[in-house]
Amino acid sequence: MEIRVADSDDMLDLLHFLRANGCIAYVTGGAQVIEALRPDMPRATDAEAAQIGRLVERWLVENPAAKLLPQ
């Protein structure tokens, strides 16, 4: 799942958060694009995207000033 982050400082924080919550997450493509996946789930499924999406939503609640960019 690709996640686009508006600010590079937020990107580093989100990378750490995703990794701490069981995701493989790394910067790809542009400087502010994170690719995240769950190694414990089938790749590129709706369930994987939903689980990562819930993690990102939780991170956004904990970081209300952070902004994501549209896909």
N, C-alpha and C. Protein backbone atom coordinates (compact mmCIF):
# COMPACT_ATOMS: atom_id res chain seq x y z
N MET A 1 0.85 -1.17 0.00
CA MET A 1 0.00 0.00 0.00
C MET A 1 0.89 1.23 0.00
N GLU A 2 0.60 2.17 -0.90
CA GLU A 2 1.36 3.42 -0.95
C GLU A 2 0.69 4.47 -0.07
N ILE A 3 1.52 5.20 0.68
CA ILE A 3 1.05 6.29 1.53
C ILE A 3 1.90 7.50 1.19
N ARG A 4 1.26 8.59 0.85
CA ARG A 4 1.98 9.82 0.51
C ARG A 4 1.86 10.80 1.68
N VAL A 5 3.01 11.24 2.18
CA VAL A 5 3.06 12.10 3.36
C VAL A 5 3.52 13.49 2.93
N ALA A 6 2.87 14.52 3.45
CA ALA A 6 3.15 15.89 3.05
C ALA A 6 4.50 16.39 3.57
N ASP A 7 4.92 15.96 4.76
CA ASP A 7 6.12 16.49 5.39
C ASP A 7 7.12 15.37 5.67
N SER A 8 8.38 15.62 5.36
CA SER A 8 9.39 14.57 5.53
C SER A 8 9.58 14.16 6.99
N ASP A 9 9.43 15.09 7.94
CA ASP A 9 9.52 14.72 9.36
C ASP A 9 8.39 13.77 9.75
N ASP A 10 7.19 14.04 9.25
CA ASP A 10 6.06 13.15 9.51
C ASP A 10 6.29 11.79 8.86
N MET A 11 6.92 11.80 7.69
CA MET A 11 7.17 10.55 7.00
C MET A 11 8.04 9.63 7.86
N LEU A 12 9.09 10.18 8.46
CA LEU A 12 9.96 9.37 9.31
C LEU A 12 9.21 8.84 10.53
N ASP A 13 8.36 9.65 11.11
CA ASP A 13 7.57 9.23 12.26
C ASP A 13 6.60 8.12 11.87
N LEU A 14 5.93 8.27 10.73
CA LEU A 14 5.00 7.24 10.27
C LEU A 14 5.73 5.94 9.93
N LEU A 15 6.90 6.03 9.32
CA LEU A 15 7.70 4.83 9.05
C LEU A 15 7.97 4.08 10.35
N HIS A 16 8.42 4.78 11.37
CA HIS A 16 8.71 4.17 12.66
C HIS A 16 7.45 3.54 13.25
N PHE A 17 6.33 4.25 13.19
CA PHE A 17 5.06 3.76 13.73
C PHE A 17 4.62 2.48 13.03
N LEU A 18 4.66 2.48 11.72
CA LEU A 18 4.24 1.29 10.96
C LEU A 18 5.13 0.10 11.28
N ARG A 19 6.44 0.33 11.33
CA ARG A 19 7.37 -0.76 11.65
C ARG A 19 7.14 -1.29 13.06
N ALA A 20 6.88 -0.40 14.00
CA ALA A 20 6.62 -0.80 15.38
C ALA A 20 5.33 -1.60 15.52
N ASN A 21 4.45 -1.48 14.51
CA ASN A 21 3.17 -2.19 14.54
C ASN A 21 3.12 -3.34 13.54
N GLY A 22 4.28 -3.91 13.24
CA GLY A 22 4.33 -5.15 12.46
C GLY A 22 4.36 -5.02 10.96
N CYS A 23 4.51 -3.82 10.44
CA CYS A 23 4.56 -3.64 8.99
C CYS A 23 6.01 -3.60 8.51
N ILE A 24 6.18 -3.98 7.27
CA ILE A 24 7.41 -3.67 6.55
C ILE A 24 7.09 -2.37 5.83
N ALA A 25 7.87 -1.34 6.10
CA ALA A 25 7.60 -0.02 5.51
C ALA A 25 8.92 0.60 5.07
N TYR A 26 8.90 1.20 3.88
CA TYR A 26 10.10 1.82 3.34
C TYR A 26 9.71 2.93 2.38
N VAL A 27 10.66 3.83 2.14
CA VAL A 27 10.45 4.94 1.22
C VAL A 27 10.67 4.41 -0.20
N THR A 28 9.78 4.80 -1.09
CA THR A 28 9.88 4.35 -2.48
C THR A 28 9.48 5.50 -3.39
N GLY A 29 9.87 5.41 -4.63
CA GLY A 29 9.47 6.42 -5.61
C GLY A 29 9.93 7.80 -5.18
N GLY A 30 8.98 8.69 -5.05
CA GLY A 30 9.27 10.04 -4.60
C GLY A 30 9.75 10.05 -3.16
N ALA A 31 10.33 11.15 -2.75
CA ALA A 31 10.92 11.25 -1.42
C ALA A 31 9.89 11.15 -0.31
N GLN A 32 8.63 11.34 -0.60
CA GLN A 32 7.63 11.32 0.45
C GLN A 32 6.55 10.26 0.21
N VAL A 33 6.95 9.14 -0.35
CA VAL A 33 6.03 8.04 -0.57
C VAL A 33 6.51 6.83 0.23
N ILE A 34 5.63 6.29 1.06
CA ILE A 34 5.93 5.10 1.84
C ILE A 34 5.18 3.92 1.22
N GLU A 35 5.87 2.82 1.06
CA GLU A 35 5.24 1.56 0.68
C GLU A 35 5.19 0.72 1.95
N ALA A 36 4.01 0.24 2.30
CA ALA A 36 3.84 -0.56 3.52
C ALA A 36 3.14 -1.86 3.17
N LEU A 37 3.56 -2.92 3.84
CA LEU A 37 2.90 -4.21 3.68
C LEU A 37 2.95 -4.96 5.00
N ARG A 38 2.06 -5.93 5.12
CA ARG A 38 1.99 -6.78 6.31
C ARG A 38 2.54 -8.14 5.93
N PRO A 39 3.66 -8.56 6.51
CA PRO A 39 4.23 -9.85 6.16
C PRO A 39 3.39 -11.04 6.63
N ASP A 40 2.46 -10.78 7.55
CA ASP A 40 1.62 -11.85 8.08
C ASP A 40 0.30 -12.00 7.31
N MET A 41 0.17 -11.27 6.20
CA MET A 41 -1.07 -11.32 5.41
C MET A 41 -0.73 -11.50 3.93
N PRO A 42 -1.68 -12.05 3.16
CA PRO A 42 -1.47 -12.13 1.71
C PRO A 42 -1.25 -10.73 1.13
N ARG A 43 -0.32 -10.61 0.24
CA ARG A 43 0.07 -9.31 -0.34
C ARG A 43 -1.02 -8.76 -1.23
N ALA A 44 -1.20 -7.43 -1.12
CA ALA A 44 -2.10 -6.67 -1.99
C ALA A 44 -3.55 -7.15 -1.92
N THR A 45 -4.01 -7.46 -0.74
CA THR A 45 -5.42 -7.84 -0.57
C THR A 45 -6.17 -6.69 0.09
N ASP A 46 -7.49 -6.74 0.01
CA ASP A 46 -8.31 -5.73 0.68
C ASP A 46 -8.10 -5.77 2.18
N ALA A 47 -7.91 -6.96 2.74
CA ALA A 47 -7.70 -7.09 4.18
C ALA A 47 -6.39 -6.43 4.61
N GLU A 48 -5.34 -6.62 3.81
CA GLU A 48 -4.06 -5.97 4.11
C GLU A 48 -4.20 -4.46 4.05
N ALA A 49 -4.83 -3.95 3.01
CA ALA A 49 -5.02 -2.51 2.88
C ALA A 49 -5.85 -1.93 4.02
N ALA A 50 -6.88 -2.66 4.43
CA ALA A 50 -7.74 -2.19 5.52
C ALA A 50 -6.96 -2.14 6.83
N GLN A 51 -6.14 -3.15 7.09
CA GLN A 51 -5.38 -3.17 8.32
C GLN A 51 -4.33 -2.05 8.35
N ILE A 52 -3.64 -1.84 7.27
CA ILE A 52 -2.67 -0.74 7.19
C ILE A 52 -3.41 0.59 7.28
N GLY A 53 -4.56 0.70 6.62
CA GLY A 53 -5.35 1.92 6.68
C GLY A 53 -5.76 2.27 8.11
N ARG A 54 -6.13 1.26 8.89
CA ARG A 54 -6.49 1.50 10.29
C ARG A 54 -5.29 1.99 11.09
N LEU A 55 -4.13 1.43 10.81
CA LEU A 55 -2.92 1.90 11.49
C LEU A 55 -2.62 3.35 11.14
N VAL A 56 -2.74 3.70 9.86
CA VAL A 56 -2.49 5.07 9.43
C VAL A 56 -3.51 6.02 10.08
N GLU A 57 -4.76 5.61 10.14
CA GLU A 57 -5.78 6.44 10.79
C GLU A 57 -5.44 6.66 12.27
N ARG A 58 -4.99 5.61 12.95
CA ARG A 58 -4.60 5.74 14.36
C ARG A 58 -3.43 6.71 14.49
N TRP A 59 -2.46 6.59 13.60
CA TRP A 59 -1.32 7.50 13.63
C TRP A 59 -1.77 8.95 13.40
N LEU A 60 -2.70 9.16 12.48
CA LEU A 60 -3.20 10.51 12.22
C LEU A 60 -3.91 11.09 13.44
N VAL A 61 -4.65 10.26 14.17
CA VAL A 61 -5.31 10.73 15.40
C VAL A 61 -4.26 11.16 16.42
N GLU A 62 -3.19 10.38 16.52
CA GLU A 62 -2.12 10.69 17.46
C GLU A 62 -1.24 11.86 17.00
N ASN A 63 -1.33 12.21 15.73
CA ASN A 63 -0.54 13.28 15.14
C ASN A 63 -1.43 14.20 14.33
N PRO A 64 -2.30 14.97 15.00
CA PRO A 64 -3.32 15.75 14.29
C PRO A 64 -2.78 16.81 13.32
N ALA A 65 -1.53 17.23 13.48
CA ALA A 65 -0.97 18.22 12.56
C ALA A 65 -0.43 17.59 11.28
N ALA A 66 -0.29 16.27 11.29
CA ALA A 66 0.25 15.57 10.11
C ALA A 66 -0.76 15.56 8.98
N LYS A 67 -0.24 15.60 7.76
CA LYS A 67 -1.09 15.60 6.57
C LYS A 67 -0.62 14.54 5.59
N LEU A 68 -1.56 13.85 5.00
CA LEU A 68 -1.28 12.92 3.91
C LEU A 68 -1.63 13.58 2.60
N LEU A 69 -0.97 13.20 1.54
CA LEU A 69 -1.26 13.71 0.21
C LEU A 69 -2.19 12.72 -0.49
N PRO A 70 -3.01 13.20 -1.42
CA PRO A 70 -3.88 12.30 -2.17
C PRO A 70 -3.06 11.30 -2.98
N GLN A 71 -3.65 10.14 -3.21
CA GLN A 71 -2.97 9.09 -3.97
C GLN A 71 -2.85 9.48 -5.40
